[in-house]
Amino acid sequence: MEVLAILIPVSLFLGLMGLAAFIWTLRKGMYDDPEGDSRRILDPQYDDKPKPLRDEDAR
């Protein structure tokens, strides 16, 4: 039972740290544009491995 005297404050501390991190991300605006992220992922402009240009496109 003595272990509860350690586990309860530690769990409360970790929970408050998680809540603080969540509030920090809300204030930084990290959840403002989820629709835009889903559209940008399909945009070829942001492709990591772009396709090579064909000869007709280079002219």
N, C-alpha and C. Protein backbone atom coordinates (compact mmCIF):
# COMPACT_ATOMS: atom_id res chain seq x y z
N MET A 1 0.80 -1.21 0.00
CA MET A 1 0.00 0.00 0.00
C MET A 1 0.84 1.27 0.00
N GLU A 2 2.08 1.17 0.46
CA GLU A 2 2.94 2.34 0.47
C GLU A 2 3.29 2.80 -0.94
N VAL A 3 3.24 1.86 -1.90
CA VAL A 3 3.57 2.21 -3.28
C VAL A 3 2.54 3.17 -3.87
N LEU A 4 1.31 3.14 -3.35
CA LEU A 4 0.28 4.07 -3.82
C LEU A 4 0.65 5.52 -3.48
N ALA A 5 1.37 5.72 -2.41
CA ALA A 5 1.79 7.07 -2.03
C ALA A 5 2.76 7.64 -3.07
N ILE A 6 3.41 6.78 -3.83
CA ILE A 6 4.32 7.23 -4.89
C ILE A 6 3.59 7.26 -6.23
N LEU A 7 2.81 6.23 -6.52
CA LEU A 7 2.18 6.10 -7.83
C LEU A 7 1.11 7.16 -8.09
N ILE A 8 0.34 7.51 -7.09
CA ILE A 8 -0.74 8.49 -7.30
C ILE A 8 -0.18 9.86 -7.65
N PRO A 9 0.78 10.41 -6.90
CA PRO A 9 1.34 11.72 -7.32
C PRO A 9 2.06 11.67 -8.66
N VAL A 10 2.74 10.58 -8.94
CA VAL A 10 3.43 10.46 -10.23
C VAL A 10 2.42 10.43 -11.36
N SER A 11 1.34 9.69 -11.21
CA SER A 11 0.33 9.63 -12.27
C SER A 11 -0.38 10.97 -12.43
N LEU A 12 -0.64 11.67 -11.35
CA LEU A 12 -1.24 13.00 -11.45
C LEU A 12 -0.30 13.97 -12.14
N PHE A 13 0.98 13.91 -11.84
CA PHE A 13 1.97 14.76 -12.47
C PHE A 13 2.04 14.50 -13.97
N LEU A 14 2.08 13.23 -14.37
CA LEU A 14 2.15 12.88 -15.79
C LEU A 14 0.88 13.30 -16.52
N GLY A 15 -0.26 13.15 -15.87
CA GLY A 15 -1.52 13.58 -16.47
C GLY A 15 -1.56 15.08 -16.68
N LEU A 16 -1.08 15.84 -15.70
CA LEU A 16 -1.04 17.29 -15.83
C LEU A 16 -0.04 17.73 -16.90
N MET A 17 1.05 17.01 -17.03
CA MET A 17 2.03 17.33 -18.08
C MET A 17 1.41 17.08 -19.46
N GLY A 18 0.67 16.00 -19.61
CA GLY A 18 -0.01 15.72 -20.87
C GLY A 18 -1.06 16.77 -21.20
N LEU A 19 -1.80 17.19 -20.20
CA LEU A 19 -2.80 18.24 -20.39
C LEU A 19 -2.14 19.56 -20.77
N ALA A 20 -1.04 19.89 -20.12
CA ALA A 20 -0.31 21.12 -20.45
C ALA A 20 0.22 21.07 -21.87
N ALA A 21 0.72 19.92 -22.30
CA ALA A 21 1.22 19.79 -23.67
C ALA A 21 0.08 19.94 -24.68
N PHE A 22 -1.08 19.39 -24.38
CA PHE A 22 -2.23 19.51 -25.26
C PHE A 22 -2.68 20.96 -25.36
N ILE A 23 -2.75 21.66 -24.25
CA ILE A 23 -3.15 23.07 -24.27
C ILE A 23 -2.12 23.90 -25.03
N TRP A 24 -0.85 23.58 -24.87
CA TRP A 24 0.21 24.30 -25.59
C TRP A 24 0.04 24.13 -27.10
N THR A 25 -0.27 22.90 -27.55
CA THR A 25 -0.46 22.69 -28.98
C THR A 25 -1.71 23.40 -29.49
N LEU A 26 -2.74 23.50 -28.67
CA LEU A 26 -3.93 24.27 -29.06
C LEU A 26 -3.59 25.74 -29.25
N ARG A 27 -2.83 26.29 -28.34
CA ARG A 27 -2.48 27.72 -28.42
C ARG A 27 -1.53 28.01 -29.57
N LYS A 28 -0.71 27.04 -29.96
CA LYS A 28 0.20 27.22 -31.08
C LYS A 28 -0.52 27.08 -32.42
N GLY A 29 -1.76 26.60 -32.40
CA GLY A 29 -2.54 26.49 -33.63
C GLY A 29 -2.23 25.26 -34.46
N MET A 30 -1.82 24.20 -33.82
CA MET A 30 -1.44 23.00 -34.56
C MET A 30 -2.63 22.21 -35.08
N TYR A 31 -3.83 22.54 -34.65
CA TYR A 31 -5.02 21.82 -35.09
C TYR A 31 -5.93 22.70 -35.93
N ASP A 32 -5.43 23.82 -36.43
CA ASP A 32 -6.28 24.79 -37.11
C ASP A 32 -6.69 24.37 -38.52
N ASP A 33 -5.84 23.66 -39.24
CA ASP A 33 -6.11 23.37 -40.65
C ASP A 33 -5.92 21.89 -40.99
N PRO A 34 -6.71 21.00 -40.42
CA PRO A 34 -6.53 19.58 -40.77
C PRO A 34 -6.96 19.26 -42.20
N GLU A 35 -7.91 20.01 -42.74
CA GLU A 35 -8.35 19.78 -44.11
C GLU A 35 -7.25 20.14 -45.10
N GLY A 36 -6.53 21.22 -44.83
CA GLY A 36 -5.44 21.63 -45.71
C GLY A 36 -4.31 20.61 -45.74
N ASP A 37 -4.01 20.00 -44.60
CA ASP A 37 -2.97 18.98 -44.56
C ASP A 37 -3.36 17.78 -45.42
N SER A 38 -4.60 17.39 -45.38
CA SER A 38 -5.02 16.24 -46.17
C SER A 38 -4.98 16.54 -47.66
N ARG A 39 -5.17 17.78 -48.03
CA ARG A 39 -5.08 18.14 -49.46
C ARG A 39 -3.63 18.28 -49.91
N ARG A 40 -2.78 18.82 -49.04
CA ARG A 40 -1.36 18.98 -49.39
C ARG A 40 -0.66 17.65 -49.57
N ILE A 41 -1.11 16.62 -48.88
CA ILE A 41 -0.44 15.32 -48.97
C ILE A 41 -0.62 14.72 -50.37
N LEU A 42 -1.66 15.13 -51.08
CA LEU A 42 -1.90 14.62 -52.44
C LEU A 42 -1.32 15.52 -53.52
N ASP A 43 -0.80 16.68 -53.15
CA ASP A 43 -0.26 17.63 -54.11
C ASP A 43 1.12 17.18 -54.58
N PRO A 44 1.35 17.06 -55.88
CA PRO A 44 2.66 16.60 -56.36
C PRO A 44 3.78 17.60 -56.11
N GLN A 45 3.45 18.83 -55.76
CA GLN A 45 4.48 19.82 -55.47
C GLN A 45 5.32 19.41 -54.26
N TYR A 46 4.73 18.69 -53.32
CA TYR A 46 5.42 18.30 -52.09
C TYR A 46 5.91 16.86 -52.15
N ASP A 47 6.04 16.30 -53.33
CA ASP A 47 6.47 14.92 -53.48
C ASP A 47 7.95 14.79 -53.15
N ASP A 48 8.31 13.79 -52.34
CA ASP A 48 9.71 13.59 -51.97
C ASP A 48 10.55 13.06 -53.13
N LYS A 49 9.92 12.26 -53.98
CA LYS A 49 10.63 11.69 -55.12
C LYS A 49 9.89 12.10 -56.39
N PRO A 50 10.15 13.29 -56.89
CA PRO A 50 9.43 13.73 -58.09
C PRO A 50 9.84 12.92 -59.31
N LYS A 51 8.90 12.79 -60.21
CA LYS A 51 9.17 12.06 -61.45
C LYS A 51 10.11 12.89 -62.32
N PRO A 52 11.01 12.23 -63.05
CA PRO A 52 11.92 13.00 -63.92
C PRO A 52 11.14 13.66 -65.06
N LEU A 53 11.65 14.80 -65.50
CA LEU A 53 11.02 15.52 -66.59
C LEU A 53 11.23 14.78 -67.92
N ARG A 54 10.21 14.80 -68.73
CA ARG A 54 10.36 14.25 -70.08
C ARG A 54 10.99 15.30 -70.97
N ASP A 55 11.48 14.89 -72.12
CA ASP A 55 12.13 15.84 -73.03
C ASP A 55 11.18 16.91 -73.51
N GLU A 56 9.89 16.56 -73.71
CA GLU A 56 8.92 17.54 -74.18
C GLU A 56 8.64 18.60 -73.11
N ASP A 57 8.69 18.19 -71.84
CA ASP A 57 8.40 19.12 -70.75
C ASP A 57 9.55 20.10 -70.51
N ALA A 58 10.77 19.68 -70.82
CA ALA A 58 11.94 20.52 -70.56
C ALA A 58 12.04 21.67 -71.54
N ARG A 59 11.39 21.59 -72.67
CA ARG A 59 11.49 22.65 -73.68
C ARG A 59 10.55 23.78 -73.45
